[in-house]
């Protein structure tokens, strides 16, 4: 192979490598909306101003967690999660405000 052919082949390889290693576009995560999050003020109980416990629900995929739903006097809904196997409450509570 001649020197000129080797140079052209080297350039072609560099161009192909440069094209094949181009940075992919980054996809941004899809967000479905913002739900307010509060810290649970106590480790073992709920504040009385959260109102009444209106329902308890669970998801089939995560059987050891249950969701406790509270409604306060203004109609705001709070969802706290409880792990029945570890006997502990999650420290984050979801809040759905009424407007």
C-alpha atoms as a PDB file:
ATOM      1  CA  UNK A   1       0.000   0.000   0.000  1.00  0.00           C
ATOM      2  CA  UNK A   2       1.364   3.374  -0.900  1.00  0.00           C
ATOM      3  CA  UNK A   3       1.975   6.129   1.590  1.00  0.00           C
ATOM      4  CA  UNK A   4      -0.788   8.280   0.079  1.00  0.00           C
ATOM      5  CA  UNK A   5      -3.350   5.446   0.344  1.00  0.00           C
ATOM      6  CA  UNK A   6      -2.357   4.875   3.991  1.00  0.00           C
ATOM      7  CA  UNK A   7      -2.918   8.559   4.772  1.00  0.00           C
ATOM      8  CA  UNK A   8      -6.350   8.552   3.083  1.00  0.00           C
ATOM      9  CA  UNK A   9      -7.290   5.342   4.879  1.00  0.00           C
ATOM     10  CA  UNK A  10      -6.181   6.839   8.211  1.00  0.00           C
ATOM     11  CA  UNK A  11      -8.227   9.993   7.589  1.00  0.00           C
ATOM     12  CA  UNK A  12     -11.266   7.907   6.609  1.00  0.00           C
ATOM     13  CA  UNK A  13     -10.955   5.842   9.793  1.00  0.00           C
ATOM     14  CA  UNK A  14     -10.710   9.012  11.928  1.00  0.00           C
ATOM     15  CA  UNK A  15     -13.782  10.522  10.233  1.00  0.00           C
ATOM     16  CA  UNK A  16     -15.802   7.329  10.721  1.00  0.00           C
ATOM     17  CA  UNK A  17     -14.755   7.084  14.373  1.00  0.00           C
ATOM     18  CA  UNK A  18     -15.650  10.727  14.945  1.00  0.00           C
ATOM     19  CA  UNK A  19     -19.109  10.253  13.430  1.00  0.00           C
ATOM     20  CA  UNK A  20     -19.816   7.018  15.299  1.00  0.00           C
ATOM     21  CA  UNK A  21     -18.797   8.554  18.647  1.00  0.00           C
ATOM     22  CA  UNK A  22     -21.031  11.600  18.350  1.00  0.00           C
ATOM     23  CA  UNK A  23     -22.719  12.523  21.624  1.00  0.00           C
ATOM     24  CA  UNK A  24     -26.306  11.375  21.885  1.00  0.00           C
ATOM     25  CA  UNK A  25     -28.959  13.873  22.827  1.00  0.00           C
ATOM     26  CA  UNK A  26     -29.934  13.653  26.475  1.00  0.00           C
ATOM     27  CA  UNK A  27     -33.566  12.971  27.215  1.00  0.00           C
ATOM     28  CA  UNK A  28     -35.066  14.937  30.061  1.00  0.00           C
ATOM     29  CA  UNK A  29     -37.163  12.940  32.512  1.00  0.00           C
ATOM     30  CA  UNK A  30     -40.891  13.273  32.041  1.00  0.00           C
ATOM     31  CA  UNK A  31     -42.621  14.907  34.973  1.00  0.00           C
ATOM     32  CA  UNK A  32     -46.308  14.465  35.550  1.00  0.00           C
ATOM     33  CA  UNK A  33     -46.709  17.461  37.814  1.00  0.00           C
ATOM     34  CA  UNK A  34     -45.668  18.670  41.192  1.00  0.00           C
ATOM     35  CA  UNK A  35     -47.298  17.383  44.340  1.00  0.00           C
ATOM     36  CA  UNK A  36     -46.353  19.159  47.547  1.00  0.00           C
ATOM     37  CA  UNK A  37     -44.231  17.174  49.990  1.00  0.00           C
ATOM     38  CA  UNK A  38     -44.045  17.786  53.728  1.00  0.00           C
ATOM     39  CA  UNK A  39     -41.821  16.234  56.357  1.00  0.00           C
ATOM     40  CA  UNK A  40     -43.634  14.055  58.867  1.00  0.00           C
ATOM     41  CA  UNK A  41     -43.304  15.982  62.154  1.00  0.00           C
ATOM     42  CA  UNK A  42     -43.368  12.871  64.373  1.00  0.00           C
ATOM     43  CA  UNK A  43     -41.916   9.380  63.954  1.00  0.00           C
ATOM     44  CA  UNK A  44     -44.829   7.534  65.515  1.00  0.00           C
ATOM     45  CA  UNK A  45     -47.994   9.627  65.125  1.00  0.00           C
ATOM     46  CA  UNK A  46     -49.873  12.129  62.991  1.00  0.00           C
ATOM     47  CA  UNK A  47     -50.784  15.730  63.882  1.00  0.00           C
ATOM     48  CA  UNK A  48     -54.425  16.179  64.874  1.00  0.00           C
ATOM     49  CA  UNK A  49     -54.788  19.133  62.462  1.00  0.00           C
ATOM     50  CA  UNK A  50     -54.467  16.656  59.562  1.00  0.00           C
ATOM     51  CA  UNK A  51     -58.094  15.779  60.251  1.00  0.00           C
ATOM     52  CA  UNK A  52     -59.679  12.363  59.983  1.00  0.00           C
ATOM     53  CA  UNK A  53     -58.269   9.230  58.411  1.00  0.00           C
ATOM     54  CA  UNK A  54     -60.552   8.741  55.411  1.00  0.00           C
ATOM     55  CA  UNK A  55     -59.116   5.592  53.818  1.00  0.00           C
ATOM     56  CA  UNK A  56     -56.194   3.169  53.672  1.00  0.00           C
ATOM     57  CA  UNK A  57     -54.966   1.806  50.348  1.00  0.00           C
ATOM     58  CA  UNK A  58     -52.228  -0.451  49.030  1.00  0.00           C
ATOM     59  CA  UNK A  59     -50.619  -1.257  45.704  1.00  0.00           C
ATOM     60  CA  UNK A  60     -50.251  -4.888  44.557  1.00  0.00           C
ATOM     61  CA  UNK A  61     -46.643  -4.330  43.466  1.00  0.00           C
ATOM     62  CA  UNK A  62     -45.498  -3.105  46.889  1.00  0.00           C
ATOM     63  CA  UNK A  63     -47.478  -5.173  49.348  1.00  0.00           C
ATOM     64  CA  UNK A  64     -45.512  -4.195  52.448  1.00  0.00           C
ATOM     65  CA  UNK A  65     -46.398  -0.468  52.090  1.00  0.00           C
ATOM     66  CA  UNK A  66     -49.829   1.017  52.723  1.00  0.00           C
ATOM     67  CA  UNK A  67     -51.021   4.571  52.125  1.00  0.00           C
ATOM     68  CA  UNK A  68     -52.935   6.394  54.847  1.00  0.00           C
ATOM     69  CA  UNK A  69     -55.161   9.202  53.525  1.00  0.00           C
ATOM     70  CA  UNK A  70     -56.209  12.105  55.774  1.00  0.00           C
ATOM     71  CA  UNK A  71     -58.569  15.019  55.082  1.00  0.00           C
ATOM     72  CA  UNK A  72     -58.355  18.236  57.116  1.00  0.00           C
ATOM     73  CA  UNK A  73     -61.086  20.838  57.763  1.00  0.00           C
ATOM     74  CA  UNK A  74     -60.171  22.823  54.601  1.00  0.00           C
ATOM     75  CA  UNK A  75     -60.495  19.723  52.406  1.00  0.00           C
ATOM     76  CA  UNK A  76     -56.745  19.244  51.887  1.00  0.00           C
ATOM     77  CA  UNK A  77     -55.667  15.624  51.510  1.00  0.00           C
ATOM     78  CA  UNK A  78     -52.462  14.179  52.980  1.00  0.00           C
ATOM     79  CA  UNK A  79     -51.050  10.784  52.100  1.00  0.00           C
ATOM     80  CA  UNK A  80     -48.615   9.157  54.505  1.00  0.00           C
ATOM     81  CA  UNK A  81     -47.009   5.783  53.816  1.00  0.00           C
ATOM     82  CA  UNK A  82     -46.480   3.031  56.365  1.00  0.00           C
ATOM     83  CA  UNK A  83     -44.242  -0.034  56.039  1.00  0.00           C
ATOM     84  CA  UNK A  84     -46.074  -2.889  57.753  1.00  0.00           C
ATOM     85  CA  UNK A  85     -43.051  -5.218  57.763  1.00  0.00           C
ATOM     86  CA  UNK A  86     -40.561  -2.761  59.275  1.00  0.00           C
ATOM     87  CA  UNK A  87     -43.275  -1.058  61.376  1.00  0.00           C
ATOM     88  CA  UNK A  88     -42.240   2.454  60.358  1.00  0.00           C
ATOM     89  CA  UNK A  89     -43.721   5.540  58.761  1.00  0.00           C
ATOM     90  CA  UNK A  90     -42.089   7.258  55.805  1.00  0.00           C
ATOM     91  CA  UNK A  91     -40.738  10.687  56.730  1.00  0.00           C
ATOM     92  CA  UNK A  92     -42.275  12.302  53.633  1.00  0.00           C
ATOM     93  CA  UNK A  93     -45.969  13.072  53.252  1.00  0.00           C
ATOM     94  CA  UNK A  94     -47.718  14.028  49.992  1.00  0.00           C
ATOM     95  CA  UNK A  95     -50.128  16.969  50.256  1.00  0.00           C
ATOM     96  CA  UNK A  96     -52.940  17.671  47.804  1.00  0.00           C
ATOM     97  CA  UNK A  97     -54.192  21.210  48.438  1.00  0.00           C
ATOM     98  CA  UNK A  98     -57.745  22.313  47.655  1.00  0.00           C
ATOM     99  CA  UNK A  99     -58.048  25.712  46.011  1.00  0.00           C
END
